[in-house]
Amino acid sequence: MLPIQAYKQLTSLDFKLLRSIEAGMRSFKYVPIDVVSRKARVRVELASKILSKLCSLGLLMRRLVSYEGYTLTYWGYDCLALKALVDSDFIIGIGKPLGIGKEADVYEGFTPVNERVAVKFHRLGRISFRKTRRFRSYLEDKDNLPWMFQAKIAAKNEYKVLEHLHSIGVKVPKPYTYNRHVVVMSFIYGDPLYVCDYLPNPISFYKSILTEVKKTYRIGGFVHGDLSEYNVIVSEDFLPLIIDWPQAVSIYHPSAERLLKRDIFNIVMFFNRRFGLKLKFKDAFSFIVGAS
């Protein structure tokens, strides 16, 4: 869960120290207390007191190695992103969780005009990162970055891909903004495809998905890279909305064709299995990449 109660207890000075540690983490695995004190321009004694409070709230980890050092937890990073989004008037509140996964958590959010939005917190870690990193060209040569900073890059990539695809009419959530590892986008209404045992017209819905994949590939220049029944939403008017784009790759990526084939195969097999259809992979592939 998000550290909402901890967030509400933070003062401007608390945030100042959190930002100082964030800056210091580009040079230190655990930022020395004297570096934190200097960056935040507070006395070491006061810094120590505040850092102890932040540790007790779960926002920092403290290590005594050859020196006293601190590093952010994902909760601490959450608080920094939330503070920036609130101060920029993009959101004023966070509601219930909409989806919790290995690579991201999505929550309901509210804007100053009471619009519902989806707030996605990227959470790359050792398990998910090893699985996906080899396909994420934007993370090349980033081995030494802390996981949360790599999650920040993933969030930026997803935002940029969504921004481009939405502008050309692909059915994806509308991106509003991003900060650090968080992307704010339009609220997602509907149910994931994998929970749907009934569709009024499965063939029509299947063709609609392929049309979006084709548009993404032929006009947008991207391959989703992880498409399946788990990241297709069935909207209230039975149209597909494709979500989860951090791993999207350019069609010029060395693995683009293989990933596209996997995406198509996943969709074809799901519809054959769930709805008893006899769809063929080669027909779907030709529809998407062919000259027509």
Protein backbone atom coordinates (compact mmCIF):
# COMPACT_ATOMS: atom_id res chain seq x y z
CA MET A 1 0.00 0.00 0.00
CA LEU A 2 1.00 3.60 -0.43
CA PRO A 3 2.48 5.47 2.57
CA ILE A 4 -0.44 7.92 2.79
CA GLN A 5 -0.37 8.21 6.58
CA ALA A 6 3.37 8.81 6.56
CA TYR A 7 2.95 11.39 3.79
CA LYS A 8 0.48 13.36 5.90
CA GLN A 9 3.03 13.63 8.73
CA LEU A 10 5.80 15.16 6.63
CA THR A 11 6.92 18.77 6.90
CA SER A 12 8.66 20.90 4.29
CA LEU A 13 11.96 20.21 6.06
CA ASP A 14 11.30 16.46 5.93
CA PHE A 15 10.82 16.70 2.17
CA LYS A 16 13.98 18.77 1.89
CA LEU A 17 16.01 15.97 3.45
CA LEU A 18 14.31 13.33 1.33
CA ARG A 19 15.24 15.28 -1.80
CA SER A 20 18.80 15.67 -0.54
CA ILE A 21 19.12 11.91 -0.17
CA GLU A 22 17.56 11.41 -3.61
CA ALA A 23 20.23 13.67 -5.10
CA GLY A 24 22.99 11.97 -3.14
CA MET A 25 21.97 8.48 -4.28
CA ARG A 26 23.46 9.20 -7.70
CA SER A 27 26.88 9.10 -6.05
CA PHE A 28 26.36 6.90 -2.98
CA LYS A 29 24.54 3.64 -2.31
CA TYR A 30 24.00 4.99 1.21
CA VAL A 31 24.30 8.77 1.38
CA PRO A 32 26.55 9.90 4.28
CA ILE A 33 24.79 11.98 6.89
CA ASP A 34 27.25 14.84 6.44
CA VAL A 35 26.43 14.93 2.72
CA VAL A 36 22.71 15.01 3.53
CA SER A 37 23.28 17.78 6.04
CA ARG A 38 25.29 19.84 3.58
CA LYS A 39 22.84 19.41 0.67
CA ALA A 40 19.85 20.26 2.89
CA ARG A 41 21.74 23.10 4.63
CA VAL A 42 20.81 21.95 8.12
CA ARG A 43 22.98 21.09 11.12
CA VAL A 44 24.03 17.45 11.42
CA GLU A 45 22.28 17.16 14.79
CA LEU A 46 18.96 18.31 13.33
CA ALA A 47 19.45 16.18 10.24
CA SER A 48 20.02 13.12 12.44
CA LYS A 49 16.78 13.72 14.33
CA ILE A 50 14.74 14.14 11.14
CA LEU A 51 16.36 11.14 9.47
CA SER A 52 15.48 8.97 12.46
CA LYS A 53 11.85 10.05 12.08
CA LEU A 54 11.88 9.27 8.35
CA CYS A 55 13.36 5.84 9.02
CA SER A 56 10.65 5.11 11.58
CA LEU A 57 8.03 5.97 8.94
CA GLY A 58 9.60 3.50 6.52
CA LEU A 59 10.72 6.15 4.05
CA LEU A 60 14.46 5.59 4.49
CA MET A 61 16.88 2.78 5.27
CA ARG A 62 19.86 3.46 7.53
CA ARG A 63 23.17 1.61 7.34
CA LEU A 64 26.22 1.81 9.54
CA VAL A 65 29.13 0.70 7.38
CA SER A 66 32.33 2.68 7.61
CA TYR A 67 30.01 5.67 8.06
CA GLU A 68 26.37 6.48 8.84
CA GLY A 69 24.42 6.49 5.57
CA TYR A 70 20.84 6.60 4.30
CA THR A 71 18.96 5.55 1.18
CA LEU A 72 15.38 6.01 0.02
CA THR A 73 12.85 3.19 0.09
CA TYR A 74 10.12 3.01 -2.54
CA TRP A 75 7.82 4.54 0.09
CA GLY A 76 10.14 7.52 0.36
CA TYR A 77 10.22 7.84 -3.42
CA ASP A 78 6.41 7.60 -3.47
CA CYS A 79 6.18 10.54 -1.09
CA LEU A 80 8.48 12.68 -3.21
CA ALA A 81 6.47 11.95 -6.37
CA LEU A 82 3.15 12.56 -4.62
CA LYS A 83 4.41 15.86 -3.22
CA ALA A 84 5.43 17.04 -6.70
CA LEU A 85 2.11 15.98 -8.25
CA VAL A 86 0.09 17.65 -5.49
CA ASP A 87 2.15 20.85 -5.62
CA SER A 88 1.66 20.96 -9.40
CA ASP A 89 -2.12 20.61 -9.01
CA PHE A 90 -2.31 17.37 -10.98
CA ILE A 91 -3.83 15.37 -8.12
CA ILE A 92 -5.33 16.19 -4.75
CA GLY A 93 -6.01 12.69 -3.45
CA ILE A 94 -5.43 8.98 -3.83
CA GLY A 95 -8.19 6.40 -3.56
CA LYS A 96 -8.42 2.63 -3.71
CA PRO A 97 -5.90 0.36 -5.46
CA LEU A 98 -6.93 -0.63 -8.99
CA GLY A 99 -4.23 -3.20 -9.58
CA ILE A 100 -1.14 -4.47 -7.75
CA GLY A 101 1.58 -6.24 -9.76
CA LYS A 102 5.25 -7.19 -9.81
CA GLU A 103 6.29 -4.17 -11.86
CA ALA A 104 3.70 -1.53 -10.94
CA ASP A 105 0.87 -0.59 -8.59
CA VAL A 106 -2.09 1.41 -9.93
CA TYR A 107 -4.36 3.54 -7.74
CA GLU A 108 -7.43 5.66 -8.22
CA GLY A 109 -6.61 9.36 -8.06
CA PHE A 110 -8.53 12.64 -8.04
CA THR A 111 -7.69 15.94 -9.72
CA PRO A 112 -8.53 19.42 -8.37
CA VAL A 113 -11.70 19.36 -10.53
CA ASN A 114 -12.63 15.96 -9.04
CA GLU A 115 -11.85 14.02 -12.19
CA ARG A 116 -10.97 10.37 -11.57
CA VAL A 117 -7.57 9.37 -12.92
CA ALA A 118 -5.33 6.33 -12.75
CA VAL A 119 -2.03 6.86 -10.90
CA LYS A 120 0.57 4.25 -11.77
CA PHE A 121 3.62 3.67 -9.54
CA HIS A 122 6.36 1.77 -11.37
CA ARG A 123 8.21 -0.64 -9.09
CA LEU A 124 11.11 -2.27 -10.88
CA GLY A 125 12.97 -4.74 -8.72
CA ARG A 126 15.36 -7.62 -9.09
CA ILE A 127 12.75 -10.18 -10.23
CA SER A 128 10.88 -8.04 -12.75
CA PHE A 129 14.02 -6.25 -13.90
CA ARG A 130 15.88 -9.43 -14.84
CA LYS A 131 12.84 -10.56 -16.82
CA THR A 132 12.41 -7.37 -18.84
CA ARG A 133 15.67 -5.48 -18.96
CA ARG A 134 17.10 -7.11 -22.07
CA PHE A 135 14.19 -5.71 -24.12
CA ARG A 136 14.24 -2.21 -22.66
CA SER A 137 16.85 -0.40 -24.71
CA TYR A 138 16.31 2.80 -22.72
CA LEU A 139 17.80 0.99 -19.68
CA GLU A 140 21.05 0.00 -21.40
CA ASP A 141 24.15 1.07 -19.48
CA LYS A 142 22.06 1.83 -16.38
CA ASP A 143 23.33 -1.08 -14.25
CA ASN A 144 24.59 1.18 -11.47
CA LEU A 145 21.35 3.12 -11.00
CA PRO A 146 19.20 2.23 -7.99
CA TRP A 147 16.07 0.25 -8.89
CA MET A 148 13.77 3.17 -8.23
CA PHE A 149 15.72 5.39 -10.63
CA GLN A 150 15.38 2.70 -13.27
CA ALA A 151 11.65 2.69 -12.48
CA LYS A 152 11.72 6.45 -13.14
CA ILE A 153 13.13 5.81 -16.61
CA ALA A 154 10.46 3.15 -17.23
CA ALA A 155 7.73 5.62 -16.22
CA LYS A 156 9.11 8.27 -18.56
CA ASN A 157 9.23 5.76 -21.41
CA GLU A 158 5.65 4.65 -20.81
CA TYR A 159 4.47 8.25 -20.70
CA LYS A 160 6.22 9.14 -23.98
CA VAL A 161 4.85 6.03 -25.74
CA LEU A 162 1.30 6.70 -24.46
CA GLU A 163 1.55 10.34 -25.49
CA HIS A 164 2.54 9.38 -29.03
CA LEU A 165 0.04 6.54 -29.46
CA HIS A 166 -2.85 8.53 -28.00
CA SER A 167 -2.09 11.39 -30.40
CA ILE A 168 -2.50 9.09 -33.41
CA GLY A 169 -5.72 7.54 -32.14
CA VAL A 170 -4.59 4.22 -30.71
CA LYS A 171 -6.96 3.11 -27.94
CA VAL A 172 -4.70 3.61 -24.91
CA PRO A 173 -5.17 5.59 -21.68
CA LYS A 174 -4.64 9.32 -22.13
CA PRO A 175 -1.43 10.35 -20.34
CA TYR A 176 -1.60 13.53 -18.26
CA THR A 177 1.82 13.80 -16.65
CA TYR A 178 4.60 11.88 -14.95
CA ASN A 179 6.93 12.54 -12.06
CA ARG A 180 9.78 10.27 -11.03
CA HIS A 181 8.38 6.71 -11.20
CA VAL A 182 4.70 7.74 -11.39
CA VAL A 183 2.48 8.20 -14.44
CA VAL A 184 -0.92 9.89 -14.19
CA MET A 185 -3.37 8.88 -16.92
CA SER A 186 -7.08 8.79 -17.67
CA PHE A 187 -9.15 6.47 -15.51
CA ILE A 188 -9.51 2.95 -16.88
CA TYR A 189 -13.15 1.88 -17.09
CA GLY A 190 -13.93 -1.74 -17.90
CA ASP A 191 -12.72 -5.25 -17.12
CA PRO A 192 -9.51 -7.05 -18.05
CA LEU A 193 -10.03 -9.38 -20.99
CA TYR A 194 -8.85 -12.42 -19.03
CA VAL A 195 -11.88 -12.26 -16.68
CA CYS A 196 -14.39 -12.09 -19.54
CA ASP A 197 -16.11 -15.41 -20.19
CA TYR A 198 -18.63 -13.75 -22.50
CA LEU A 199 -18.37 -11.23 -25.31
CA PRO A 200 -21.34 -10.41 -27.55
CA ASN A 201 -19.12 -10.80 -30.61
CA PRO A 202 -15.69 -12.34 -29.87
CA ILE A 203 -14.56 -12.20 -33.50
CA SER A 204 -15.35 -8.49 -33.74
CA PHE A 205 -13.51 -7.74 -30.50
CA TYR A 206 -10.52 -9.82 -31.63
CA LYS A 207 -10.36 -7.88 -34.90
CA SER A 208 -10.54 -4.62 -32.96
CA ILE A 209 -7.46 -5.63 -30.96
CA LEU A 210 -5.57 -6.49 -34.14
CA THR A 211 -6.53 -3.13 -35.62
CA GLU A 212 -5.02 -1.34 -32.61
CA VAL A 213 -1.86 -3.47 -32.83
CA LYS A 214 -1.62 -2.68 -36.55
CA LYS A 215 -2.05 1.03 -35.94
CA THR A 216 0.58 0.89 -33.20
CA TYR A 217 3.01 -0.91 -35.49
CA ARG A 218 2.36 0.68 -38.88
CA ILE A 219 1.65 4.28 -37.84
CA GLY A 220 3.01 4.54 -34.30
CA GLY A 221 6.24 2.65 -34.94
CA PHE A 222 6.03 0.61 -31.74
CA VAL A 223 5.54 -2.95 -30.56
CA HIS A 224 3.83 -3.45 -27.19
CA GLY A 225 6.21 -6.25 -26.21
CA ASP A 226 4.08 -7.88 -23.52
CA LEU A 227 0.58 -8.04 -25.00
CA SER A 228 -1.84 -10.64 -23.65
CA GLU A 229 -5.34 -10.93 -22.22
CA TYR A 230 -3.97 -9.39 -19.00
CA ASN A 231 -3.36 -5.94 -20.45
CA VAL A 232 -6.35 -5.55 -22.74
CA ILE A 233 -9.35 -3.87 -21.11
CA VAL A 234 -12.88 -4.52 -22.35
CA SER A 235 -14.58 -1.13 -22.20
CA GLU A 236 -18.24 -0.57 -21.36
CA ASP A 237 -19.04 -0.27 -25.09
CA PHE A 238 -17.05 -3.45 -25.87
CA LEU A 239 -14.01 -1.79 -27.39
CA PRO A 240 -10.42 -2.68 -26.45
CA LEU A 241 -8.16 -0.42 -24.42
CA ILE A 242 -4.54 -1.54 -24.38
CA ILE A 243 -2.59 -0.78 -21.18
CA ASP A 244 0.90 -1.33 -19.71
CA TRP A 245 3.44 0.12 -22.16
CA PRO A 246 6.75 0.54 -20.26
CA GLN A 247 8.41 -2.30 -22.17
CA ALA A 248 7.29 -1.06 -25.62
CA VAL A 249 10.05 -1.07 -28.21
CA SER A 250 10.58 0.69 -31.52
CA ILE A 251 9.91 -1.36 -34.63
CA TYR A 252 13.65 -0.95 -35.32
CA HIS A 253 14.64 -2.74 -32.11
CA PRO A 254 16.49 -6.02 -32.84
CA SER A 255 13.82 -7.98 -30.95
CA ALA A 256 10.82 -6.10 -32.37
CA GLU A 257 9.64 -8.79 -34.79
CA ARG A 258 10.00 -11.58 -32.25
CA LEU A 259 8.10 -9.56 -29.64
CA LEU A 260 5.38 -8.69 -32.13
CA LYS A 261 4.95 -12.36 -33.02
CA ARG A 262 4.70 -13.23 -29.34
CA ASP A 263 2.10 -10.48 -28.78
CA ILE A 264 -0.01 -11.75 -31.69
CA PHE A 265 0.37 -15.39 -30.67
CA ASN A 266 -0.81 -14.62 -27.13
CA ILE A 267 -3.99 -12.94 -28.40
CA VAL A 268 -4.76 -15.61 -31.02
CA MET A 269 -4.32 -18.44 -28.52
CA PHE A 270 -6.45 -16.73 -25.89
CA PHE A 271 -9.42 -16.29 -28.22
CA ASN A 272 -9.11 -19.83 -29.53
CA ARG A 273 -8.94 -21.22 -26.02
CA ARG A 274 -11.56 -19.06 -24.32
CA PHE A 275 -14.14 -18.74 -27.09
CA GLY A 276 -13.54 -21.90 -29.12
CA LEU A 277 -12.46 -20.05 -32.25
CA LYS A 278 -10.12 -21.35 -34.95
CA LEU A 279 -8.03 -18.27 -35.59
CA LYS A 280 -4.68 -18.58 -37.35
CA PHE A 281 -1.53 -16.80 -36.29
CA LYS A 282 -0.28 -16.31 -39.87
CA ASP A 283 -3.49 -14.50 -40.86
CA ALA A 284 -3.20 -12.12 -37.91
CA PHE A 285 0.50 -11.49 -38.57
CA SER A 286 -0.14 -10.77 -42.25
CA PHE A 287 -2.95 -8.36 -41.38
CA ILE A 288 -0.65 -6.34 -39.14
CA VAL A 289 2.58 -6.24 -41.15
CA GLY A 290 1.28 -6.84 -44.69
CA ALA A 291 1.06 -4.24 -47.41
CA SER A 292 -2.72 -3.87 -47.24
